[in-house]
C-alpha cells in the first residue's frame, strides 16, 4: 500500500506542523537526502504539548505515544518538502532523544513509538531504519522526546 493511502487509512492529518523554536530550518535537502531537524510531539486536541521526564513524570507508554506524535510531525515536514510521502524511497536513520530521569534506561522502548509508526506507514522495506535512542537530561520546553531523521527520496 502506498504511504499516502496508509496515512488516509490511519485517519491522520498531516496539514500543519509547528515551526522551529530557534534559528534553524526544519529540513535541509542535499541530493536525494532530507536531513530533518529534531521534531517535538505537537500539542494534542486539548492544546497541550506532552511534557516531562520519562521515568519520573511519564510512563514508557506515554513516551511511546509522544515519539509516535513526533514521527507524525516529521512526516508532515517531509510531505511539505517533497509534495507526497509516496516519493520516500527509504527511512535511512532515526535519532531519538528521550528526556530521562537519572535511572531511566528504557529509551529504546520509548523511541519504538516513532520506529513502529514509520514501519506501519511505509512497510518493512522502506520504513525500517538505522537508529539511535539516547537519554538526555533535558529537552526544549520540557518535551519528553525529540526525534530527527534522514530520509531518501526520489528525484
Protein backbone atom coordinates (compact mmCIF):
# COMPACT_ATOMS: atom_id res chain seq x y z
CA UNK A 1 0.00 0.00 0.00
CA UNK A 2 1.29 3.48 -0.87
CA UNK A 3 2.28 5.66 2.06
CA UNK A 4 -0.34 8.33 1.30
CA UNK A 5 -3.06 5.67 1.21
CA UNK A 6 -1.84 4.32 4.55
CA UNK A 7 -1.93 7.82 6.09
CA UNK A 8 -5.54 8.21 4.92
CA UNK A 9 -6.41 4.73 6.24
CA UNK A 10 -4.97 5.69 9.65
CA UNK A 11 -7.07 8.88 9.60
CA UNK A 12 -4.07 11.15 10.14
CA UNK A 13 -3.94 14.86 9.34
CA UNK A 14 -0.53 15.93 8.07
CA UNK A 15 -1.54 19.50 7.28
CA UNK A 16 0.11 21.57 9.98
CA UNK A 17 3.41 21.45 11.78
CA UNK A 18 4.90 23.81 14.30
CA UNK A 19 7.74 25.96 13.12
CA UNK A 20 11.25 25.94 14.57
CA UNK A 21 11.77 27.10 18.14
CA UNK A 22 15.07 28.83 17.31
CA UNK A 23 17.35 29.84 14.43
CA UNK A 24 17.22 26.80 12.13
CA UNK A 25 15.07 25.29 9.38
CA UNK A 26 13.05 22.06 9.72
CA UNK A 27 14.68 20.26 6.78
CA UNK A 28 17.72 20.50 4.52
CA UNK A 29 17.79 18.68 1.21
CA UNK A 30 21.03 17.66 -0.43
CA UNK A 31 20.66 15.49 -3.50
CA UNK A 32 18.13 12.76 -2.68
CA UNK A 33 18.58 13.04 1.08
CA UNK A 34 16.44 15.00 3.51
CA UNK A 35 18.03 15.84 6.85
CA UNK A 36 15.20 16.63 9.24
CA UNK A 37 15.81 18.73 12.34
CA UNK A 38 14.60 17.39 15.65
CA UNK A 39 10.81 17.46 15.97
CA UNK A 40 8.92 17.52 19.25
CA UNK A 41 5.49 15.98 19.74
CA UNK A 42 2.91 18.65 18.86
CA UNK A 43 0.07 19.79 21.06
CA UNK A 44 -2.86 17.40 21.31
CA UNK A 45 -6.55 18.11 20.80
CA UNK A 46 -6.57 19.78 24.23
CA UNK A 47 -3.95 22.29 23.05
CA UNK A 48 -1.29 20.97 25.42
CA UNK A 49 2.06 19.51 24.39
CA UNK A 50 3.26 16.38 26.17
CA UNK A 51 5.86 17.34 28.79
CA UNK A 52 8.02 15.74 31.44
CA UNK A 53 10.74 13.22 32.12
CA UNK A 54 10.39 9.54 31.35
CA UNK A 55 10.77 7.51 34.50
CA UNK A 56 9.65 10.38 36.73
CA UNK A 57 6.65 12.15 35.20
CA UNK A 58 5.71 9.88 32.32
CA UNK A 59 5.39 6.15 31.67
CA UNK A 60 7.02 4.26 28.82
CA UNK A 61 3.58 4.09 27.16
CA UNK A 62 3.19 7.87 27.34
CA UNK A 63 6.69 8.32 25.93
CA UNK A 64 5.93 5.85 23.14
CA UNK A 65 2.84 7.90 22.20
CA UNK A 66 4.91 11.12 22.27
CA UNK A 67 7.55 9.57 19.98
CA UNK A 68 4.81 8.46 17.57
CA UNK A 69 3.40 12.00 17.56
CA UNK A 70 6.85 13.43 16.82
CA UNK A 71 7.19 10.99 13.89
CA UNK A 72 3.84 12.20 12.54
CA UNK A 73 5.20 15.77 12.71
CA UNK A 74 8.33 14.64 10.85
CA UNK A 75 6.23 13.15 8.06
CA UNK A 76 4.29 16.40 7.83
CA UNK A 77 7.60 18.15 7.16
CA UNK A 78 8.63 15.52 4.59
CA UNK A 79 5.33 15.89 2.74
CA UNK A 80 5.64 19.69 2.76
CA UNK A 81 9.17 19.40 1.31
CA UNK A 82 8.55 16.85 -1.49
CA UNK A 83 4.79 17.04 -2.07
CA UNK A 84 3.88 13.44 -1.29
CA UNK A 85 5.07 10.67 1.01
CA UNK A 86 4.91 8.33 -1.98
CA UNK A 87 8.30 9.80 -3.06
CA UNK A 88 10.03 8.36 0.04
CA UNK A 89 12.47 5.62 -1.00
CA UNK A 90 13.86 4.84 2.45
CA UNK A 91 13.85 5.99 6.03
CA UNK A 92 17.62 5.92 6.47
CA UNK A 93 18.31 6.95 10.07
CA UNK A 94 16.35 7.97 13.17
CA UNK A 95 17.79 9.62 16.26
CA UNK A 96 15.51 9.63 19.29
CA UNK A 97 16.39 11.75 22.31
CA UNK A 98 14.44 10.93 25.45
CA UNK A 99 14.08 13.35 28.37
CA UNK A 100 15.08 10.86 31.05
CA UNK A 101 15.15 10.65 34.82
CA UNK A 102 18.65 9.66 36.04
CA UNK A 103 17.78 5.97 36.49
CA UNK A 104 15.57 5.57 33.38
CA UNK A 105 17.02 3.07 30.88
CA UNK A 106 14.10 2.25 28.57
CA UNK A 107 14.89 4.82 25.86
CA UNK A 108 14.70 2.18 23.07
CA UNK A 109 11.15 1.21 24.08
CA UNK A 110 10.11 4.88 24.00
CA UNK A 111 11.66 5.56 20.58
CA UNK A 112 9.91 2.45 19.26
CA UNK A 113 6.85 4.73 19.08
CA UNK A 114 8.48 6.51 16.14
CA UNK A 115 10.09 3.42 14.59
CA UNK A 116 6.94 1.29 14.75
CA UNK A 117 4.91 4.12 13.19
CA UNK A 118 7.35 4.55 10.29
CA UNK A 119 7.20 0.82 9.53
CA UNK A 120 3.39 0.96 9.81
CA UNK A 121 3.25 3.72 7.18
CA UNK A 122 6.00 2.61 4.78
CA UNK A 123 6.32 -1.14 5.38
CA UNK A 124 9.47 -3.06 6.27
CA UNK A 125 11.45 -2.42 3.08
CA UNK A 126 11.19 1.39 3.22
CA UNK A 127 10.34 2.09 6.85
CA UNK A 128 12.95 0.02 8.74
CA UNK A 129 15.97 2.16 9.53
CA UNK A 130 19.21 2.57 11.41
CA UNK A 131 18.57 4.18 14.80
CA UNK A 132 19.98 5.60 17.99
CA UNK A 133 17.91 6.09 21.15
CA UNK A 134 19.59 8.14 23.85
CA UNK A 135 18.66 9.57 27.21
CA UNK A 136 19.22 13.26 27.81
CA UNK A 137 18.97 15.44 30.92
CA UNK A 138 16.55 17.93 29.35
CA UNK A 139 14.84 18.86 26.09
CA UNK A 140 13.36 22.15 24.84
CA UNK A 141 10.11 23.15 26.56
CA UNK A 142 10.43 20.03 28.74
CA UNK A 143 9.35 17.80 25.83
CA UNK A 144 9.52 14.08 26.61
CA UNK A 145 11.15 13.26 23.25
CA UNK A 146 12.80 14.88 20.27
CA UNK A 147 13.14 12.86 17.07
CA UNK A 148 15.21 13.63 13.99
CA UNK A 149 15.74 11.57 10.86
CA UNK A 150 17.38 11.21 7.48
CA UNK A 151 15.15 10.23 4.55
CA UNK A 152 16.00 9.24 0.98
CA UNK A 153 13.51 10.48 -1.63
CA UNK A 154 13.03 10.08 -5.38
CA UNK A 155 14.20 12.86 -7.71
